[in-house]
C-alpha atoms as a PDB file:
ATOM      1  CA  MET A   1     -28.473 -20.379  75.861  1.00  0.00           C
ATOM      2  CA  PRO A   2     -28.610 -21.406  79.502  1.00  0.00           C
ATOM      3  CA  GLY A   3     -29.795 -18.697  81.784  1.00  0.00           C
ATOM      4  CA  ILE A   4     -28.513 -17.448  85.122  1.00  0.00           C
ATOM      5  CA  LYS A   5     -30.818 -19.867  86.931  1.00  0.00           C
ATOM      6  CA  ASP A   6     -29.325 -22.896  85.158  1.00  0.00           C
ATOM      7  CA  PHE A   7     -25.819 -21.656  85.890  1.00  0.00           C
ATOM      8  CA  ALA A   8     -26.625 -21.216  89.587  1.00  0.00           C
ATOM      9  CA  GLU A   9     -28.155 -24.693  89.763  1.00  0.00           C
ATOM     10  CA  ASP A  10     -24.996 -26.184  88.220  1.00  0.00           C
ATOM     11  CA  GLU A  11     -22.823 -24.394  90.762  1.00  0.00           C
ATOM     12  CA  VAL A  12     -24.984 -25.644  93.638  1.00  0.00           C
ATOM     13  CA  ARG A  13     -24.766 -29.214  92.331  1.00  0.00           C
ATOM     14  CA  ASN A  14     -20.977 -28.953  92.012  1.00  0.00           C
ATOM     15  CA  LEU A  15     -20.693 -27.548  95.538  1.00  0.00           C
ATOM     16  CA  ARG A  16     -22.858 -30.354  96.948  1.00  0.00           C
ATOM     17  CA  ALA A  17     -20.718 -32.955  95.133  1.00  0.00           C
ATOM     18  CA  LYS A  18     -17.557 -31.463  96.583  1.00  0.00           C
ATOM     19  CA  LEU A  19     -19.007 -31.385 100.094  1.00  0.00           C
ATOM     20  CA  LYS A  20     -20.217 -34.960  99.726  1.00  0.00           C
ATOM     21  CA  SER A  21     -16.773 -36.057  98.545  1.00  0.00           C
ATOM     22  CA  ARG A  22     -15.033 -34.323 101.457  1.00  0.00           C
ATOM     23  CA  ARG A  23     -17.586 -35.715 103.901  1.00  0.00           C
ATOM     24  CA  GLY A  24     -16.897 -39.181 102.500  1.00  0.00           C
ATOM     25  CA  VAL A  25     -13.151 -38.780 103.015  1.00  0.00           C
ATOM     26  CA  PHE A  26     -13.732 -37.536 106.562  1.00  0.00           C
ATOM     27  CA  LEU A  27     -16.067 -40.437 107.350  1.00  0.00           C
ATOM     28  CA  TRP A  28     -13.545 -42.907 105.894  1.00  0.00           C
ATOM     29  CA  LEU A  29     -10.802 -41.455 108.121  1.00  0.00           C
ATOM     30  CA  VAL A  30     -13.072 -41.692 111.163  1.00  0.00           C
ATOM     31  CA  MET A  31     -13.988 -45.292 110.401  1.00  0.00           C
ATOM     32  CA  HIS A  32     -10.401 -46.393 109.771  1.00  0.00           C
ATOM     33  CA  TRP A  33      -8.494 -44.248 112.287  1.00  0.00           C
ATOM     34  CA  GLN A  34      -7.413 -47.277 114.307  1.00  0.00           C
ATOM     35  CA  SER A  35      -5.882 -48.994 111.258  1.00  0.00           C
ATOM     36  CA  LEU A  36      -4.196 -45.734 110.216  1.00  0.00           C
ATOM     37  CA  ALA A  37      -2.788 -45.224 113.723  1.00  0.00           C
ATOM     38  CA  ILE A  38      -1.447 -48.791 113.842  1.00  0.00           C
ATOM     39  CA  GLY A  39       0.112 -48.392 110.390  1.00  0.00           C
ATOM     40  CA  ALA A  40       1.768 -45.111 111.370  1.00  0.00           C
ATOM     41  CA  ALA A  41       3.084 -46.699 114.573  1.00  0.00           C
ATOM     42  CA  VAL A  42       4.514 -49.664 112.634  1.00  0.00           C
ATOM     43  CA  LEU A  43       6.224 -47.339 110.148  1.00  0.00           C
ATOM     44  CA  PHE A  44       7.647 -45.205 112.962  1.00  0.00           C
ATOM     45  CA  PHE A  45       8.912 -48.230 114.900  1.00  0.00           C
ATOM     46  CA  SER A  46      10.430 -49.735 111.729  1.00  0.00           C
ATOM     47  CA  ALA A  47      12.263 -46.476 110.999  1.00  0.00           C
ATOM     48  CA  TRP A  48      13.562 -46.397 114.575  1.00  0.00           C
ATOM     49  CA  LEU A  49      14.795 -50.006 114.337  1.00  0.00           C
ATOM     50  CA  TRP A  50      16.547 -49.187 111.057  1.00  0.00           C
ATOM     51  CA  HIS A  51      18.223 -46.207 112.740  1.00  0.00           C
ATOM     52  CA  TRP A  52      19.420 -48.499 115.551  1.00  0.00           C
ATOM     53  CA  TYR A  53      20.694 -51.092 113.086  1.00  0.00           C
ATOM     54  CA  SER A  54      22.440 -48.652 110.715  1.00  0.00           C
ATOM     55  CA  GLN A  55      24.030 -46.245 113.192  1.00  0.00           C
ATOM     56  CA  LYS A  56      27.800 -46.127 113.315  1.00  0.00           C
ATOM     57  CA  PRO A  57      29.403 -48.031 116.211  1.00  0.00           C
ATOM     58  CA  GLU A  58      30.973 -45.995 118.965  1.00  0.00           C
ATOM     59  CA  ALA A  59      34.743 -45.727 118.951  1.00  0.00           C
ATOM     60  CA  SER A  60      36.520 -48.208 121.203  1.00  0.00           C
ATOM     61  CA  VAL A  61      37.851 -46.702 124.413  1.00  0.00           C
ATOM     62  CA  GLY A  62      41.620 -46.165 124.377  1.00  0.00           C
ATOM     63  CA  VAL A  63      41.977 -46.928 120.647  1.00  0.00           C
ATOM     64  CA  ALA A  64      43.120 -44.261 118.172  1.00  0.00           C
ATOM     65  CA  VAL A  65      40.942 -43.968 115.051  1.00  0.00           C
ATOM     66  CA  VAL A  66      41.220 -41.702 112.035  1.00  0.00           C
ATOM     67  CA  ALA A  67      38.896 -38.715 112.443  1.00  0.00           C
ATOM     68  CA  THR A  68      36.210 -38.073 109.830  1.00  0.00           C
ATOM     69  CA  GLU A  69      36.802 -34.936 107.816  1.00  0.00           C
ATOM     70  CA  ALA A  70      34.296 -32.162 108.485  1.00  0.00           C
ATOM     71  CA  PRO A  71      31.724 -31.769 105.665  1.00  0.00           C
ATOM     72  CA  ALA A  72      32.686 -28.092 105.251  1.00  0.00           C
ATOM     73  CA  LEU A  73      36.098 -29.160 103.866  1.00  0.00           C
ATOM     74  CA  LYS A  74      34.679 -31.425 101.165  1.00  0.00           C
ATOM     75  CA  HIS A  75      34.586 -28.799  98.397  1.00  0.00           C
ATOM     76  CA  ALA A  76      36.925 -26.219  99.924  1.00  0.00           C
ATOM     77  CA  PRO A  77      39.915 -25.160  97.757  1.00  0.00           C
ATOM     78  CA  VAL A  78      43.330 -26.581  98.685  1.00  0.00           C
ATOM     79  CA  GLU A  79      46.538 -24.559  98.885  1.00  0.00           C
ATOM     80  CA  TYR A  80      50.071 -25.667  99.634  1.00  0.00           C
ATOM     81  CA  VAL A  81      51.990 -23.300 101.905  1.00  0.00           C
ATOM     82  CA  ILE A  82      55.503 -23.235 103.331  1.00  0.00           C
ATOM     83  CA  PRO A  83      55.636 -21.637 106.803  1.00  0.00           C
ATOM     84  CA  LYS A  84      58.113 -18.795 107.225  1.00  0.00           C
ATOM     85  CA  LYS A  85      59.307 -20.518 110.384  1.00  0.00           C
ATOM     86  CA  PRO A  86      59.666 -24.285 110.950  1.00  0.00           C
ATOM     87  CA  MET A  87      56.639 -26.022 112.441  1.00  0.00           C
ATOM     88  CA  LYS A  88      56.818 -27.144 116.043  1.00  0.00           C
ATOM     89  CA  VAL A  89      56.076 -30.863 116.482  1.00  0.00           C
ATOM     90  CA  ARG A  90      56.572 -33.434 119.204  1.00  0.00           C
ATOM     91  CA  THR A  91      58.213 -36.784 118.616  1.00  0.00           C
ATOM     92  CA  GLY A  92      59.158 -39.962 120.452  1.00  0.00           C
ATOM     93  CA  GLU A  93      57.581 -43.369 120.949  1.00  0.00           C
ATOM     94  CA  LYS A  94      56.986 -42.677 124.636  1.00  0.00           C
ATOM     95  CA  LEU A  95      54.688 -39.743 123.836  1.00  0.00           C
ATOM     96  CA  LYS A  96      52.896 -41.682 121.111  1.00  0.00           C
ATOM     97  CA  LYS A  97      52.223 -44.569 123.489  1.00  0.00           C
ATOM     98  CA  LYS A  98      50.930 -42.139 126.097  1.00  0.00           C
ATOM     99  CA  LEU A  99      48.484 -40.796 123.506  1.00  0.00           C
ATOM    100  CA  ASN A 100      47.322 -44.370 122.687  1.00  0.00           C
ATOM    101  CA  LEU A 101      48.195 -44.050 119.013  1.00  0.00           C
ATOM    102  CA  SER A 102      48.147 -47.020 116.680  1.00  0.00           C
ATOM    103  CA  GLU A 103      51.198 -49.294 116.692  1.00  0.00           C
ATOM    104  CA  VAL A 104      51.951 -48.360 113.068  1.00  0.00           C
ATOM    105  CA  ASN A 105      52.230 -44.666 113.886  1.00  0.00           C
ATOM    106  CA  ILE A 106      54.165 -45.351 117.094  1.00  0.00           C
ATOM    107  CA  LYS A 107      56.850 -47.226 115.171  1.00  0.00           C
ATOM    108  CA  ASN A 108      56.949 -44.781 112.235  1.00  0.00           C
ATOM    109  CA  PRO A 109      59.658 -42.135 112.891  1.00  0.00           C
ATOM    110  CA  ASP A 110      58.226 -39.934 110.110  1.00  0.00           C
ATOM    111  CA  TRP A 111      54.880 -39.675 111.910  1.00  0.00           C
ATOM    112  CA  THR A 112      55.086 -36.755 114.355  1.00  0.00           C
ATOM    113  CA  VAL A 113      52.550 -35.253 116.748  1.00  0.00           C
ATOM    114  CA  ALA A 114      51.536 -31.789 115.601  1.00  0.00           C
ATOM    115  CA  ALA A 115      48.683 -31.212 118.082  1.00  0.00           C
ATOM    116  CA  ALA A 116      46.580 -33.106 120.629  1.00  0.00           C
ATOM    117  CA  SER A 117      43.470 -31.832 122.403  1.00  0.00           C
ATOM    118  CA  THR A 118      41.312 -33.158 125.241  1.00  0.00           C
ATOM    119  CA  LEU A 119      37.606 -32.319 125.095  1.00  0.00           C
ATOM    120  CA  PRO A 120      35.090 -32.598 127.940  1.00  0.00           C
ATOM    121  CA  PRO A 121      32.311 -35.172 127.390  1.00  0.00           C
ATOM    122  CA  SER A 122      29.250 -33.875 125.588  1.00  0.00           C
ATOM    123  CA  GLU A 123      26.158 -35.114 123.753  1.00  0.00           C
ATOM    124  CA  HIS A 124      26.688 -32.417 121.123  1.00  0.00           C
ATOM    125  CA  GLU A 125      28.588 -33.018 117.906  1.00  0.00           C
ATOM    126  CA  ARG A 126      31.813 -31.015 117.820  1.00  0.00           C
ATOM    127  CA  ASP A 127      34.255 -30.013 115.128  1.00  0.00           C
ATOM    128  CA  VAL A 128      37.934 -29.761 116.048  1.00  0.00           C
ATOM    129  CA  ILE A 129      39.733 -27.382 113.684  1.00  0.00           C
ATOM    130  CA  THR A 130      43.511 -27.128 113.699  1.00  0.00           C
ATOM    131  CA  GLY A 131      44.981 -24.161 111.874  1.00  0.00           C
ATOM    132  CA  LEU A 132      48.566 -23.302 110.909  1.00  0.00           C
ATOM    133  CA  ASN A 133      49.980 -19.815 111.385  1.00  0.00           C
ATOM    134  CA  THR A 134      52.228 -19.582 108.334  1.00  0.00           C
ATOM    135  CA  THR A 135      54.228 -16.740 109.883  1.00  0.00           C
ATOM    136  CA  THR A 136      55.111 -18.371 113.183  1.00  0.00           C
ATOM    137  CA  GLY A 137      54.746 -22.043 112.221  1.00  0.00           C
ATOM    138  CA  GLU A 138      52.481 -22.546 115.248  1.00  0.00           C
ATOM    139  CA  LEU A 139      49.395 -24.758 115.203  1.00  0.00           C
ATOM    140  CA  GLU A 140      46.213 -23.475 116.838  1.00  0.00           C
ATOM    141  CA  THR A 141      43.169 -25.646 117.557  1.00  0.00           C
ATOM    142  CA  ASP A 142      39.577 -24.411 117.860  1.00  0.00           C
ATOM    143  CA  VAL A 143      36.587 -26.479 119.001  1.00  0.00           C
ATOM    144  CA  VAL A 144      33.108 -25.711 117.668  1.00  0.00           C
ATOM    145  CA  THR A 145      30.162 -27.255 119.548  1.00  0.00           C
ATOM    146  CA  LYS A 146      27.162 -27.828 117.306  1.00  0.00           C
ATOM    147  CA  PRO A 147      23.576 -27.399 118.544  1.00  0.00           C
ATOM    148  CA  LEU A 148      21.435 -30.457 119.089  1.00  0.00           C
ATOM    149  CA  PRO A 149      19.095 -31.249 116.177  1.00  0.00           C
ATOM    150  CA  TRP A 150      15.481 -30.202 116.533  1.00  0.00           C
ATOM    151  CA  ILE A 151      14.306 -33.783 116.121  1.00  0.00           C
ATOM    152  CA  ALA A 152      16.230 -37.050 115.861  1.00  0.00           C
ATOM    153  CA  PHE A 153      15.956 -40.722 116.741  1.00  0.00           C
ATOM    154  CA  THR A 154      17.836 -41.925 119.807  1.00  0.00           C
ATOM    155  CA  THR A 155      18.720 -45.422 121.037  1.00  0.00           C
ATOM    156  CA  LYS A 156      20.060 -44.335 124.421  1.00  0.00           C
ATOM    157  CA  GLY A 157      18.573 -46.111 127.413  1.00  0.00           C
ATOM    158  CA  ASP A 158      19.405 -46.999 130.993  1.00  0.00           C
ATOM    159  CA  VAL A 159      18.576 -49.417 133.807  1.00  0.00           C
ATOM    160  CA  MET A 160      18.217 -48.213 137.405  1.00  0.00           C
ATOM    161  CA  LEU A 161      18.118 -50.183 140.657  1.00  0.00           C
ATOM    162  CA  ALA A 162      16.844 -48.368 143.740  1.00  0.00           C
ATOM    163  CA  GLY A 163      16.220 -49.338 147.359  1.00  0.00           C
ATOM    164  CA  GLY A 164      15.197 -47.516 150.500  1.00  0.00           C
ATOM    165  CA  VAL A 165      12.208 -46.747 152.692  1.00  0.00           C
ATOM    166  CA  ASN A 166       8.790 -45.543 151.510  1.00  0.00           C
ATOM    167  CA  ALA A 167       6.502 -43.010 153.204  1.00  0.00           C
ATOM    168  CA  SER A 168       5.011 -45.750 155.428  1.00  0.00           C
ATOM    169  CA  GLY A 169       8.408 -46.716 156.796  1.00  0.00           C
ATOM    170  CA  GLU A 170       8.495 -49.978 154.848  1.00  0.00           C
ATOM    171  CA  GLN A 171      11.531 -51.265 153.034  1.00  0.00           C
ATOM    172  CA  ALA A 172      11.069 -50.770 149.306  1.00  0.00           C
ATOM    173  CA  GLY A 173      12.983 -51.573 146.143  1.00  0.00           C
ATOM    174  CA  MET A 174      12.514 -50.770 142.467  1.00  0.00           C
ATOM    175  CA  VAL A 175      13.921 -51.711 139.066  1.00  0.00           C
ATOM    176  CA  GLN A 176      13.400 -49.220 136.241  1.00  0.00           C
ATOM    177  CA  VAL A 177      14.214 -49.622 132.556  1.00  0.00           C
ATOM    178  CA  ARG A 178      14.103 -46.478 130.435  1.00  0.00           C
ATOM    179  CA  GLN A 179      14.465 -46.473 126.644  1.00  0.00           C
ATOM    180  CA  GLY A 180      14.647 -43.312 124.567  1.00  0.00           C
ATOM    181  CA  VAL A 181      13.046 -43.273 121.117  1.00  0.00           C
ATOM    182  CA  LEU A 182      12.946 -39.666 119.915  1.00  0.00           C
ATOM    183  CA  ARG A 183      14.777 -36.490 120.923  1.00  0.00           C
ATOM    184  CA  ILE A 184      13.420 -32.993 120.466  1.00  0.00           C
ATOM    185  CA  LYS A 185      16.399 -30.774 121.308  1.00  0.00           C
ATOM    186  CA  ASP A 186      17.127 -31.546 125.003  1.00  0.00           C
ATOM    187  CA  VAL A 187      13.868 -33.422 125.640  1.00  0.00           C
ATOM    188  CA  THR A 188      13.768 -37.203 125.156  1.00  0.00           C
ATOM    189  CA  LEU A 189      10.564 -39.114 124.409  1.00  0.00           C
ATOM    190  CA  GLY A 190      10.477 -42.817 125.145  1.00  0.00           C
ATOM    191  CA  VAL A 191       9.057 -45.604 127.291  1.00  0.00           C
ATOM    192  CA  VAL A 192       9.649 -46.506 130.937  1.00  0.00           C
ATOM    193  CA  GLY A 193       8.991 -49.814 132.677  1.00  0.00           C
ATOM    194  CA  THR A 194       9.152 -50.230 136.459  1.00  0.00           C
ATOM    195  CA  VAL A 195       8.857 -53.133 138.884  1.00  0.00           C
ATOM    196  CA  SER A 196       8.629 -52.238 142.590  1.00  0.00           C
ATOM    197  CA  HIS A 197       8.318 -54.196 145.819  1.00  0.00           C
ATOM    198  CA  ALA A 198       7.510 -53.049 149.341  1.00  0.00           C
ATOM    199  CA  ASN A 199       8.010 -55.270 152.402  1.00  0.00           C
ATOM    200  CA  ASN A 200       4.992 -54.681 154.641  1.00  0.00           C
ATOM    201  CA  GLY A 201       5.555 -57.695 156.867  1.00  0.00           C
ATOM    202  CA  ALA A 202       2.868 -59.847 155.241  1.00  0.00           C
ATOM    203  CA  GLY A 203       4.738 -61.173 152.256  1.00  0.00           C
ATOM    204  CA  GLY A 204       5.158 -57.749 150.749  1.00  0.00           C
ATOM    205  CA  HIS A 205       3.463 -56.084 147.841  1.00  0.00           C
ATOM    206  CA  SER A 206       4.760 -55.913 144.274  1.00  0.00           C
ATOM    207  CA  ASP A 207       3.678 -53.714 141.425  1.00  0.00           C
ATOM    208  CA  ALA A 208       4.688 -53.202 137.785  1.00  0.00           C
ATOM    209  CA  ALA A 209       3.954 -50.485 135.268  1.00  0.00           C
ATOM    210  CA  GLY A 210       4.775 -49.469 131.690  1.00  0.00           C
ATOM    211  CA  MET A 211       4.434 -45.856 130.606  1.00  0.00           C
ATOM    212  CA  PHE A 212       5.195 -43.423 127.826  1.00  0.00           C
ATOM    213  CA  ALA A 213       7.480 -40.735 129.179  1.00  0.00           C
ATOM    214  CA  ALA A 214       9.339 -37.528 128.413  1.00  0.00           C
ATOM    215  CA  TRP A 215      12.445 -36.452 130.298  1.00  0.00           C
ATOM    216  CA  TYR A 216      14.938 -33.631 130.294  1.00  0.00           C
ATOM    217  CA  GLY A 217      18.582 -34.141 131.196  1.00  0.00           C
ATOM    218  CA  TYR A 218      20.618 -31.585 133.104  1.00  0.00           C
ATOM    219  CA  GLY A 219      23.973 -31.264 134.812  1.00  0.00           C
ATOM    220  CA  ARG A 220      27.352 -32.589 133.671  1.00  0.00           C
END
C-alpha cells in the first residue's frame, strides 16, 4: 500500500500540473491580447450596427399611428363592463382633423374621441394608461415615466458648427461630429471628431482630432 510520502508526492505533482496549466493559459492570454481585443471590438461594433439596422423607425411627425399595447396588458384578464352613466366622448371631423388623425377615422362617424393627451418631450419610455370610471363614465389618463436602462446601445449623434474668437484674439471656427455608441443611464459613451481653424493672419492654422468621449446631458 502506498504510504503517506507517496500520497504527498502525488498531490504535489497534481498541484504543479494545475499551476503549469493556469500559467499556460495566462501566458496565452498575454501573448494574444491584441487579437482578443480586436475580436471583442469587432463583435461589439457588429452588435451596434445590428442595433442601428434593426431598430424601429421613429414615428412621422404629424401622422397618427396606432399605439403599441403595453406589455403588462398581454396576459391580463379581460372584463366587459357597462358604465352606470353614459361615457363622455367628443365627435366631429373638425376636432379629428385638429388632432391629425388618419383620414379613415376622420370620415368614420362611429369613431369618436374618448381622450387625448399631450406629453412633454422626453428620452424616457412612457406608458399612457387610460382608465374608465364605471360609476361616472369618465375617462382618466395616467402617464408613467420609466427609468432609463442601466446599459443600452444608442445611435444618437449630432453635428455642431461653432465660430468666434480664441484666447489670442484670433478668429476661430470649429466643426464637431459626435456619435453616441453606448448609454449607461444618463451618461453616453461614444466618439467625437473635430476640425478647427484659427485665422492668425499668416494663412491660418488648422487642426483635427478624433477622441473617445463620455458626456452627460442636462436641461430640457
